[in-house]
Each structure stands twice: as structure tokens, then as C-alpha cells.
C-alpha atoms as a PDB file:
ATOM      1  CA  UNK A   1       0.188  -0.002   0.023  1.00  0.00           C
ATOM      2  CA  UNK A   2       1.174   3.325  -1.034  1.00  0.00           C
ATOM      3  CA  UNK A   3       0.072   6.653   0.899  1.00  0.00           C
ATOM      4  CA  UNK A   4       0.889   9.909  -0.539  1.00  0.00           C
ATOM      5  CA  UNK A   5       2.814  12.257   1.758  1.00  0.00           C
ATOM      6  CA  UNK A   6       3.321  16.021   1.333  1.00  0.00           C
ATOM      7  CA  UNK A   7       5.410  18.029   3.702  1.00  0.00           C
ATOM      8  CA  UNK A   8       4.320  21.589   3.915  1.00  0.00           C
ATOM      9  CA  UNK A   9       6.147  24.320   6.090  1.00  0.00           C
ATOM     10  CA  UNK A  10       3.078  26.506   7.477  1.00  0.00           C
ATOM     11  CA  UNK A  11       2.965  30.114   8.353  1.00  0.00           C
ATOM     12  CA  UNK A  12       5.999  31.000   6.378  1.00  0.00           C
ATOM     13  CA  UNK A  13       6.744  31.898   2.627  1.00  0.00           C
ATOM     14  CA  UNK A  14      10.042  29.895   2.384  1.00  0.00           C
ATOM     15  CA  UNK A  15      11.287  26.461   3.284  1.00  0.00           C
ATOM     16  CA  UNK A  16      13.156  25.753   6.391  1.00  0.00           C
ATOM     17  CA  UNK A  17      11.124  28.166   8.545  1.00  0.00           C
ATOM     18  CA  UNK A  18       7.549  28.215   9.963  1.00  0.00           C
ATOM     19  CA  UNK A  19       6.133  24.862  11.164  1.00  0.00           C
ATOM     20  CA  UNK A  20       6.748  21.698   9.165  1.00  0.00           C
ATOM     21  CA  UNK A  21       3.574  19.573   8.851  1.00  0.00           C
ATOM     22  CA  UNK A  22       2.941  16.163   7.003  1.00  0.00           C
ATOM     23  CA  UNK A  23      -0.092  15.818   5.073  1.00  0.00           C
ATOM     24  CA  UNK A  24      -1.551  12.452   3.864  1.00  0.00           C
ATOM     25  CA  UNK A  25      -4.450  12.174   1.579  1.00  0.00           C
ATOM     26  CA  UNK A  26      -6.549   8.921   2.267  1.00  0.00           C
ATOM     27  CA  UNK A  27      -9.456   7.272   0.251  1.00  0.00           C
ATOM     28  CA  UNK A  28     -10.683   5.778   3.559  1.00  0.00           C
ATOM     29  CA  UNK A  29      -9.864   5.765   7.131  1.00  0.00           C
ATOM     30  CA  UNK A  30      -7.176   3.339   8.248  1.00  0.00           C
ATOM     31  CA  UNK A  31      -6.901   1.746  11.729  1.00  0.00           C
ATOM     32  CA  UNK A  32      -5.951   4.502  14.375  1.00  0.00           C
ATOM     33  CA  UNK A  33      -2.968   2.462  15.456  1.00  0.00           C
ATOM     34  CA  UNK A  34      -1.452   2.505  12.019  1.00  0.00           C
ATOM     35  CA  UNK A  35      -2.359   6.418  11.647  1.00  0.00           C
ATOM     36  CA  UNK A  36      -0.578   6.907  14.949  1.00  0.00           C
ATOM     37  CA  UNK A  37       2.388   4.946  13.867  1.00  0.00           C
ATOM     38  CA  UNK A  38       2.760   6.962  10.655  1.00  0.00           C
ATOM     39  CA  UNK A  39       2.764  10.129  12.808  1.00  0.00           C
ATOM     40  CA  UNK A  40       5.321   8.698  14.865  1.00  0.00           C
ATOM     41  CA  UNK A  41       7.516   7.789  12.062  1.00  0.00           C
ATOM     42  CA  UNK A  42       7.184  11.126  10.519  1.00  0.00           C
ATOM     43  CA  UNK A  43       8.482  12.633  13.704  1.00  0.00           C
ATOM     44  CA  UNK A  44       6.901  16.094  12.937  1.00  0.00           C
ATOM     45  CA  UNK A  45       4.691  17.974  15.479  1.00  0.00           C
ATOM     46  CA  UNK A  46       1.479  17.048  13.467  1.00  0.00           C
ATOM     47  CA  UNK A  47       0.617  14.660  10.751  1.00  0.00           C
ATOM     48  CA  UNK A  48      -2.843  15.418   9.030  1.00  0.00           C
ATOM     49  CA  UNK A  49      -4.905  12.723   7.521  1.00  0.00           C
ATOM     50  CA  UNK A  50      -7.786  13.708   5.433  1.00  0.00           C
ATOM     51  CA  UNK A  51     -10.645  11.757   3.663  1.00  0.00           C
ATOM     52  CA  UNK A  52     -13.350  13.056   1.217  1.00  0.00           C
ATOM     53  CA  UNK A  53     -16.758  13.534   3.149  1.00  0.00           C
ATOM     54  CA  UNK A  54     -19.742  15.220   1.556  1.00  0.00           C
ATOM     55  CA  UNK A  55     -18.949  18.459   0.070  1.00  0.00           C
ATOM     56  CA  UNK A  56     -15.597  18.619   1.911  1.00  0.00           C
ATOM     57  CA  UNK A  57     -13.047  16.374   3.777  1.00  0.00           C
ATOM     58  CA  UNK A  58     -12.758  14.958   7.248  1.00  0.00           C
ATOM     59  CA  UNK A  59      -9.594  15.958   8.778  1.00  0.00           C
ATOM     60  CA  UNK A  60      -7.668  14.344  11.910  1.00  0.00           C
ATOM     61  CA  UNK A  61      -4.212  15.437  13.473  1.00  0.00           C
ATOM     62  CA  UNK A  62      -1.584  13.208  15.112  1.00  0.00           C
ATOM     63  CA  UNK A  63       1.450  14.111  17.091  1.00  0.00           C
ATOM     64  CA  UNK A  64       4.046  11.491  17.412  1.00  0.00           C
ATOM     65  CA  UNK A  65       2.436  10.276  20.498  1.00  0.00           C
ATOM     66  CA  UNK A  66      -1.358  11.146  20.296  1.00  0.00           C
ATOM     67  CA  UNK A  67      -4.365  12.461  18.373  1.00  0.00           C
ATOM     68  CA  UNK A  68      -5.214  15.805  19.085  1.00  0.00           C
ATOM     69  CA  UNK A  69      -8.748  17.801  18.800  1.00  0.00           C
ATOM     70  CA  UNK A  70      -7.468  20.730  16.788  1.00  0.00           C
ATOM     71  CA  UNK A  71      -4.338  21.840  14.820  1.00  0.00           C
ATOM     72  CA  UNK A  72      -3.752  25.121  13.137  1.00  0.00           C
ATOM     73  CA  UNK A  73      -0.570  24.589  11.037  1.00  0.00           C
ATOM     74  CA  UNK A  74      -1.692  21.161   9.667  1.00  0.00           C
ATOM     75  CA  UNK A  75      -4.885  22.467   8.761  1.00  0.00           C
ATOM     76  CA  UNK A  76      -3.202  25.353   6.760  1.00  0.00           C
ATOM     77  CA  UNK A  77      -0.901  22.688   5.264  1.00  0.00           C
ATOM     78  CA  UNK A  78      -3.798  20.333   4.227  1.00  0.00           C
ATOM     79  CA  UNK A  79      -5.744  23.337   2.428  1.00  0.00           C
ATOM     80  CA  UNK A  80      -2.583  23.935   0.701  1.00  0.00           C
ATOM     81  CA  UNK A  81      -2.303  20.437  -0.586  1.00  0.00           C
ATOM     82  CA  UNK A  82      -5.779  20.610  -1.611  1.00  0.00           C
ATOM     83  CA  UNK A  83      -5.925  23.930  -3.416  1.00  0.00           C
ATOM     84  CA  UNK A  84      -2.681  22.827  -5.311  1.00  0.00           C
ATOM     85  CA  UNK A  85      -3.254  19.184  -5.903  1.00  0.00           C
ATOM     86  CA  UNK A  86      -6.906  17.977  -5.557  1.00  0.00           C
ATOM     87  CA  UNK A  87      -9.073  20.978  -6.272  1.00  0.00           C
ATOM     88  CA  UNK A  88      -7.126  23.377  -8.039  1.00  0.00           C
ATOM     89  CA  UNK A  89     -10.006  25.615  -9.276  1.00  0.00           C
ATOM     90  CA  UNK A  90     -11.463  26.157  -5.682  1.00  0.00           C
ATOM     91  CA  UNK A  91     -10.470  28.861  -3.238  1.00  0.00           C
ATOM     92  CA  UNK A  92     -12.777  27.573  -0.481  1.00  0.00           C
ATOM     93  CA  UNK A  93     -12.257  24.106   1.552  1.00  0.00           C
ATOM     94  CA  UNK A  94     -14.469  22.694   4.403  1.00  0.00           C
ATOM     95  CA  UNK A  95     -13.103  20.433   6.990  1.00  0.00           C
ATOM     96  CA  UNK A  96     -15.325  18.097   9.474  1.00  0.00           C
ATOM     97  CA  UNK A  97     -13.196  17.660  12.676  1.00  0.00           C
ATOM     98  CA  UNK A  98     -13.190  16.907  16.585  1.00  0.00           C
ATOM     99  CA  UNK A  99     -13.627  20.748  16.830  1.00  0.00           C
ATOM    100  CA  UNK A 100     -16.643  21.054  14.401  1.00  0.00           C
ATOM    101  CA  UNK A 101     -16.703  22.475  10.870  1.00  0.00           C
ATOM    102  CA  UNK A 102     -13.609  24.223   9.955  1.00  0.00           C
ATOM    103  CA  UNK A 103     -13.010  26.237   6.717  1.00  0.00           C
ATOM    104  CA  UNK A 104     -10.080  27.608   4.814  1.00  0.00           C
ATOM    105  CA  UNK A 105     -10.276  30.438   2.468  1.00  0.00           C
ATOM    106  CA  UNK A 106      -7.736  31.048  -0.285  1.00  0.00           C
ATOM    107  CA  UNK A 107      -6.954  34.860  -0.582  1.00  0.00           C
ATOM    108  CA  UNK A 108      -4.007  35.362  -2.951  1.00  0.00           C
ATOM    109  CA  UNK A 109      -0.910  34.493  -0.997  1.00  0.00           C
ATOM    110  CA  UNK A 110      -2.799  34.112   2.402  1.00  0.00           C
ATOM    111  CA  UNK A 111      -4.789  31.075   3.493  1.00  0.00           C
ATOM    112  CA  UNK A 112      -7.387  32.325   6.100  1.00  0.00           C
ATOM    113  CA  UNK A 113      -8.752  29.529   8.686  1.00  0.00           C
ATOM    114  CA  UNK A 114     -11.972  30.005  10.328  1.00  0.00           C
ATOM    115  CA  UNK A 115     -11.602  28.387  13.762  1.00  0.00           C
ATOM    116  CA  UNK A 116     -13.328  28.496  17.176  1.00  0.00           C
ATOM    117  CA  UNK A 117     -12.533  31.164  19.595  1.00  0.00           C
ATOM    118  CA  UNK A 118     -11.255  29.878  22.899  1.00  0.00           C
ATOM    119  CA  UNK A 119     -10.794  32.987  25.289  1.00  0.00           C
ATOM    120  CA  UNK A 120      -8.628  32.216  28.151  1.00  0.00           C
ATOM    121  CA  UNK A 121      -9.743  33.124  31.621  1.00  0.00           C
ATOM    122  CA  UNK A 122      -7.536  34.039  34.769  1.00  0.00           C
ATOM    123  CA  UNK A 123      -6.594  30.967  36.941  1.00  0.00           C
ATOM    124  CA  UNK A 124      -4.055  30.202  39.694  1.00  0.00           C
ATOM    125  CA  UNK A 125      -0.923  29.180  38.217  1.00  0.00           C
ATOM    126  CA  UNK A 126       0.049  25.693  39.130  1.00  0.00           C
ATOM    127  CA  UNK A 127       3.508  25.300  40.835  1.00  0.00           C
ATOM    128  CA  UNK A 128       4.767  23.091  37.999  1.00  0.00           C
ATOM    129  CA  UNK A 129       3.870  25.717  35.382  1.00  0.00           C
ATOM    130  CA  UNK A 130       5.963  28.428  37.458  1.00  0.00           C
ATOM    131  CA  UNK A 131       8.839  26.113  38.236  1.00  0.00           C
ATOM    132  CA  UNK A 132       8.964  24.871  34.450  1.00  0.00           C
ATOM    133  CA  UNK A 133       8.876  28.315  32.879  1.00  0.00           C
ATOM    134  CA  UNK A 134      11.509  29.600  35.466  1.00  0.00           C
ATOM    135  CA  UNK A 135      10.277  33.266  35.416  1.00  0.00           C
ATOM    136  CA  UNK A 136       7.219  34.944  37.004  1.00  0.00           C
ATOM    137  CA  UNK A 137       4.502  35.981  34.848  1.00  0.00           C
ATOM    138  CA  UNK A 138       2.376  39.077  34.884  1.00  0.00           C
ATOM    139  CA  UNK A 139      -0.686  36.675  34.814  1.00  0.00           C
ATOM    140  CA  UNK A 140      -1.650  33.445  34.004  1.00  0.00           C
ATOM    141  CA  UNK A 141      -4.761  32.285  32.230  1.00  0.00           C
ATOM    142  CA  UNK A 142      -6.167  29.086  31.076  1.00  0.00           C
ATOM    143  CA  UNK A 143      -8.004  27.622  28.134  1.00  0.00           C
ATOM    144  CA  UNK A 144      -6.966  24.568  26.177  1.00  0.00           C
ATOM    145  CA  UNK A 145      -3.530  25.505  27.415  1.00  0.00           C
ATOM    146  CA  UNK A 146      -2.233  27.630  30.174  1.00  0.00           C
ATOM    147  CA  UNK A 147      -1.470  31.156  28.744  1.00  0.00           C
ATOM    148  CA  UNK A 148       1.424  32.906  30.650  1.00  0.00           C
ATOM    149  CA  UNK A 149       1.940  36.700  29.785  1.00  0.00           C
ATOM    150  CA  UNK A 150       5.222  38.475  30.048  1.00  0.00           C
ATOM    151  CA  UNK A 151       6.150  42.171  30.124  1.00  0.00           C
ATOM    152  CA  UNK A 152       8.497  42.195  26.981  1.00  0.00           C
ATOM    153  CA  UNK A 153       9.235  40.123  23.845  1.00  0.00           C
ATOM    154  CA  UNK A 154      12.621  39.666  25.101  1.00  0.00           C
ATOM    155  CA  UNK A 155      11.125  37.765  28.191  1.00  0.00           C
ATOM    156  CA  UNK A 156       9.679  35.478  25.592  1.00  0.00           C
ATOM    157  CA  UNK A 157      12.887  34.896  23.442  1.00  0.00           C
ATOM    158  CA  UNK A 158      14.979  34.068  26.555  1.00  0.00           C
ATOM    159  CA  UNK A 159      12.880  31.638  28.227  1.00  0.00           C
ATOM    160  CA  UNK A 160      14.513  28.356  28.579  1.00  0.00           C
ATOM    161  CA  UNK A 161      11.775  26.211  29.965  1.00  0.00           C
ATOM    162  CA  UNK A 162      12.165  22.762  31.861  1.00  0.00           C
ATOM    163  CA  UNK A 163      10.252  20.258  29.614  1.00  0.00           C
ATOM    164  CA  UNK A 164      10.341  17.484  32.201  1.00  0.00           C
ATOM    165  CA  UNK A 165       8.376  19.749  34.746  1.00  0.00           C
ATOM    166  CA  UNK A 166       5.929  21.295  32.160  1.00  0.00           C
ATOM    167  CA  UNK A 167       5.139  17.590  31.072  1.00  0.00           C
ATOM    168  CA  UNK A 168       3.397  16.936  34.245  1.00  0.00           C
ATOM    169  CA  UNK A 169       0.637  19.819  33.784  1.00  0.00           C
ATOM    170  CA  UNK A 170      -2.806  18.719  33.300  1.00  0.00           C
ATOM    171  CA  UNK A 171      -3.613  20.819  30.199  1.00  0.00           C
ATOM    172  CA  UNK A 172      -2.468  20.509  26.578  1.00  0.00           C
ATOM    173  CA  UNK A 173       0.337  22.721  26.611  1.00  0.00           C
ATOM    174  CA  UNK A 174       1.838  26.126  27.695  1.00  0.00           C
ATOM    175  CA  UNK A 175       1.560  29.428  25.694  1.00  0.00           C
ATOM    176  CA  UNK A 176       3.958  32.208  26.829  1.00  0.00           C
ATOM    177  CA  UNK A 177       3.244  35.647  25.135  1.00  0.00           C
ATOM    178  CA  UNK A 178       3.962  39.209  25.431  1.00  0.00           C
ATOM    179  CA  UNK A 179       3.330  42.387  23.551  1.00  0.00           C
ATOM    180  CA  UNK A 180       5.723  42.574  20.465  1.00  0.00           C
ATOM    181  CA  UNK A 181       8.093  45.378  19.300  1.00  0.00           C
ATOM    182  CA  UNK A 182       7.141  45.396  15.690  1.00  0.00           C
ATOM    183  CA  UNK A 183       4.083  43.211  15.628  1.00  0.00           C
ATOM    184  CA  UNK A 184       0.874  43.345  17.998  1.00  0.00           C
ATOM    185  CA  UNK A 185       1.987  40.316  20.010  1.00  0.00           C
ATOM    186  CA  UNK A 186       4.503  37.388  20.072  1.00  0.00           C
ATOM    187  CA  UNK A 187       4.398  33.958  21.589  1.00  0.00           C
ATOM    188  CA  UNK A 188       5.949  30.597  22.044  1.00  0.00           C
ATOM    189  CA  UNK A 189       4.384  27.404  22.680  1.00  0.00           C
ATOM    190  CA  UNK A 190       5.448  24.258  24.565  1.00  0.00           C
ATOM    191  CA  UNK A 191       3.659  20.892  24.549  1.00  0.00           C
ATOM    192  CA  UNK A 192       6.181  18.029  25.894  1.00  0.00           C
ATOM    193  CA  UNK A 193       3.129  15.858  27.192  1.00  0.00           C
ATOM    194  CA  UNK A 194       2.116  15.388  23.471  1.00  0.00           C
ATOM    195  CA  UNK A 195       5.622  14.644  22.275  1.00  0.00           C
ATOM    196  CA  UNK A 196       6.261  18.240  21.313  1.00  0.00           C
ATOM    197  CA  UNK A 197       8.665  20.351  23.346  1.00  0.00           C
ATOM    198  CA  UNK A 198       8.392  23.363  21.481  1.00  0.00           C
ATOM    199  CA  UNK A 199       6.080  23.754  18.302  1.00  0.00           C
ATOM    200  CA  UNK A 200       7.461  26.109  15.948  1.00  0.00           C
ATOM    201  CA  UNK A 201       4.300  27.973  14.968  1.00  0.00           C
ATOM    202  CA  UNK A 202       1.095  27.078  16.464  1.00  0.00           C
ATOM    203  CA  UNK A 203      -2.110  28.053  14.827  1.00  0.00           C
ATOM    204  CA  UNK A 204      -4.460  26.746  17.469  1.00  0.00           C
ATOM    205  CA  UNK A 205      -2.785  28.748  20.421  1.00  0.00           C
ATOM    206  CA  UNK A 206      -4.153  31.773  18.533  1.00  0.00           C
ATOM    207  CA  UNK A 207      -7.329  30.550  19.272  1.00  0.00           C
ATOM    208  CA  UNK A 208      -6.946  32.001  22.532  1.00  0.00           C
ATOM    209  CA  UNK A 209      -4.282  34.500  21.951  1.00  0.00           C
ATOM    210  CA  UNK A 210      -6.246  36.558  19.369  1.00  0.00           C
ATOM    211  CA  UNK A 211      -9.429  37.320  21.833  1.00  0.00           C
ATOM    212  CA  UNK A 212      -6.887  37.854  24.607  1.00  0.00           C
ATOM    213  CA  UNK A 213      -4.801  40.353  22.856  1.00  0.00           C
ATOM    214  CA  UNK A 214      -7.943  41.629  20.925  1.00  0.00           C
ATOM    215  CA  UNK A 215      -9.262  42.859  24.268  1.00  0.00           C
ATOM    216  CA  UNK A 216      -5.907  43.976  25.468  1.00  0.00           C
ATOM    217  CA  UNK A 217      -5.131  46.134  22.865  1.00  0.00           C
ATOM    218  CA  UNK A 218      -8.671  47.239  21.913  1.00  0.00           C
ATOM    219  CA  UNK A 219      -8.288  46.051  18.131  1.00  0.00           C
ATOM    220  CA  UNK A 220      -9.767  43.407  16.031  1.00  0.00           C
ATOM    221  CA  UNK A 221      -6.997  42.722  13.413  1.00  0.00           C
ATOM    222  CA  UNK A 222      -3.847  41.575  14.927  1.00  0.00           C
ATOM    223  CA  UNK A 223      -0.243  40.716  13.269  1.00  0.00           C
ATOM    224  CA  UNK A 224       1.678  38.171  15.328  1.00  0.00           C
ATOM    225  CA  UNK A 225       4.983  36.404  15.261  1.00  0.00           C
ATOM    226  CA  UNK A 226       5.797  33.227  17.151  1.00  0.00           C
ATOM    227  CA  UNK A 227       9.424  33.603  18.099  1.00  0.00           C
ATOM    228  CA  UNK A 228      10.514  30.227  18.164  1.00  0.00           C
ATOM    229  CA  UNK A 229      13.921  29.346  16.326  1.00  0.00           C
ATOM    230  CA  UNK A 230      12.140  28.657  13.064  1.00  0.00           C
ATOM    231  CA  UNK A 231       9.701  31.711  13.565  1.00  0.00           C
ATOM    232  CA  UNK A 232       6.431  31.987  11.850  1.00  0.00           C
ATOM    233  CA  UNK A 233       3.985  34.991  10.829  1.00  0.00           C
ATOM    234  CA  UNK A 234       0.290  34.988  11.494  1.00  0.00           C
ATOM    235  CA  UNK A 235      -2.495  37.572  10.838  1.00  0.00           C
ATOM    236  CA  UNK A 236      -5.205  37.054  13.215  1.00  0.00           C
ATOM    237  CA  UNK A 237      -8.939  38.610  13.483  1.00  0.00           C
ATOM    238  CA  UNK A 238     -11.397  38.553  16.438  1.00  0.00           C
ATOM    239  CA  UNK A 239     -14.786  37.641  15.278  1.00  0.00           C
ATOM    240  CA  UNK A 240     -16.649  37.239  18.421  1.00  0.00           C
ATOM    241  CA  UNK A 241     -17.237  33.362  19.013  1.00  0.00           C
ATOM    242  CA  UNK A 242     -14.821  32.703  15.926  1.00  0.00           C
ATOM    243  CA  UNK A 243     -11.455  33.598  14.957  1.00  0.00           C
ATOM    244  CA  UNK A 244      -9.750  34.064  11.537  1.00  0.00           C
ATOM    245  CA  UNK A 245      -6.213  33.080  11.629  1.00  0.00           C
ATOM    246  CA  UNK A 246      -4.079  33.429   8.343  1.00  0.00           C
ATOM    247  CA  UNK A 247      -0.844  32.682   6.960  1.00  0.00           C
ATOM    248  CA  UNK A 248       1.325  31.460   3.904  1.00  0.00           C
ATOM    249  CA  UNK A 249       2.621  28.047   3.180  1.00  0.00           C
ATOM    250  CA  UNK A 250       5.200  26.612   1.216  1.00  0.00           C
ATOM    251  CA  UNK A 251       5.836  22.952  -0.199  1.00  0.00           C
ATOM    252  CA  UNK A 252       9.208  21.426   1.026  1.00  0.00           C
ATOM    253  CA  UNK A 253       8.632  17.739  -0.295  1.00  0.00           C
ATOM    254  CA  UNK A 254       6.320  15.506  -2.169  1.00  0.00           C
ATOM    255  CA  UNK A 255       6.563  11.615  -1.903  1.00  0.00           C
ATOM    256  CA  UNK A 256       4.898   8.468  -0.503  1.00  0.00           C
ATOM    257  CA  UNK A 257       4.865   5.930   2.242  1.00  0.00           C
ATOM    258  CA  UNK A 258       5.267   2.174   1.531  1.00  0.00           C
ATOM    259  CA  UNK A 259       3.400  -0.209   3.941  1.00  0.00           C
ATOM    260  CA  UNK A 260       3.806  -3.643   3.337  1.00  0.00           C
ATOM    261  CA  UNK A 261       0.789  -5.621   3.994  1.00  0.00           C
END
């Protein structure tokens, strides 16, 4: 059995930056254990699998160790593959997922994803969070992840978290963020519990970051950078109970997976 494989760098317009995602088109769903094994073998933060369904596609996302409910960069990468290889005349694609219906619209170079908003709320910081980050935050909130807010972009860049401690947290991961120097806000994202110590660019984290910074800065349209080593650029819009997260993508590789059955 051969499965097509595309590797796409999301939230960037040139390779070797942004967040690499593997995208595997399927005709029908395979066993979950095989999907997880493929993701483990790919050893990227996410592998996306999609199957035609109705007028769109059913999409699922796997880290090297687990399936997740929502992933931004791998959705962006999957839309890029569909627009370039499967439905080249379309500028709109709809996905069915564990997080409901998601849509992606192609607008010249940008791909814009319509995702659920996940506004974070203030919470008491767990000791593991403070110990793991190694620096006191201005405030700590939680949504799908913990959100630790700091005073400057340099604070975010200079953080060197202890992943063994952060792995003990109960939520998916940790977002650290601050107002940016040349953009509205910057962030980094850590999810060691899911086999991803630091995710280069995390679209789903901006489901929480967008409403937070829209409220703080009193503006709906936001420009963001994820200041990981690879780095990535995002354009976000607060739409109430939804957020629009936009970015570019570029193809790194096209190939196939061979599985002997």
C-alpha cells in the first residue's frame, strides 16, 4: 500500500522556516494504530490525514504520541495541498473535525482559517507551570492550554523552560506571550506531554491569543509572530465566537509512504 505524503512549511513563505506538517490524503480511514504509527515515523509536530466527506473533507491530526482535537498549522498545510493538487479551481475548502466545522479560504498568498474562539480566563498558576517556565509571569490564564503573559518580547525569546516539569501539567501545553516590538504580540508554545517540546508555530494557540490580545489592545485585526527558532508569521482577526487565523505556506517535499501488508 502506498500513501501520498506532502511536507508543507506552514506560516511561512520560504522553506526551512514556519512549522513543518506532514499531510497524507486517504481514500478511506485506516486503523487508528496505523495512523499513529505513521505520525510517529514522520516525527513532526503534526501529521494530518484527510478523507473526502460530503462537500468537503474529514480531517484528523496526530502528534508523534497522540491524536489532538485541533491543529492550526497542519490544517493550513492540508488546505495548501488540496488547493494545489486536489481542487485547483477552488478557493474554499470545508473540513469536518473533532472541533466542529472548519473552513479555509484562499486569498492570493494567504490562507485564512475560520476556527473556534477559545478566550482564556484568569486562573491560579500551578507550581509546575511556574517552576517549569522558570520566570514569574504578569498573569496566568487557561483555556485549552495555560497562557503565561510577560512584559516584553525579550522575556519570551529568552525563556528556557524545563520540559520535564511542564510535562506534568494537566492541560495540553503552555503558551507564553507578550506584546511585540514590531508586531501586536509574540508567543512561543510548549507541549512536551504530547511529544512536542516546542512547536515552531501553533495556529490553534491563537484561538486563545487572538481574543486575549484583541481585548488588551482594543483592536480586532492583529499581526503576530511566533518567536521560536524557525519562527512564523500570523494574521489574526477576532470575530466574537470565531477567529480568523491567516498565513502563508510553502511545499518542502512530495513523496509516498510504502506499507507492506
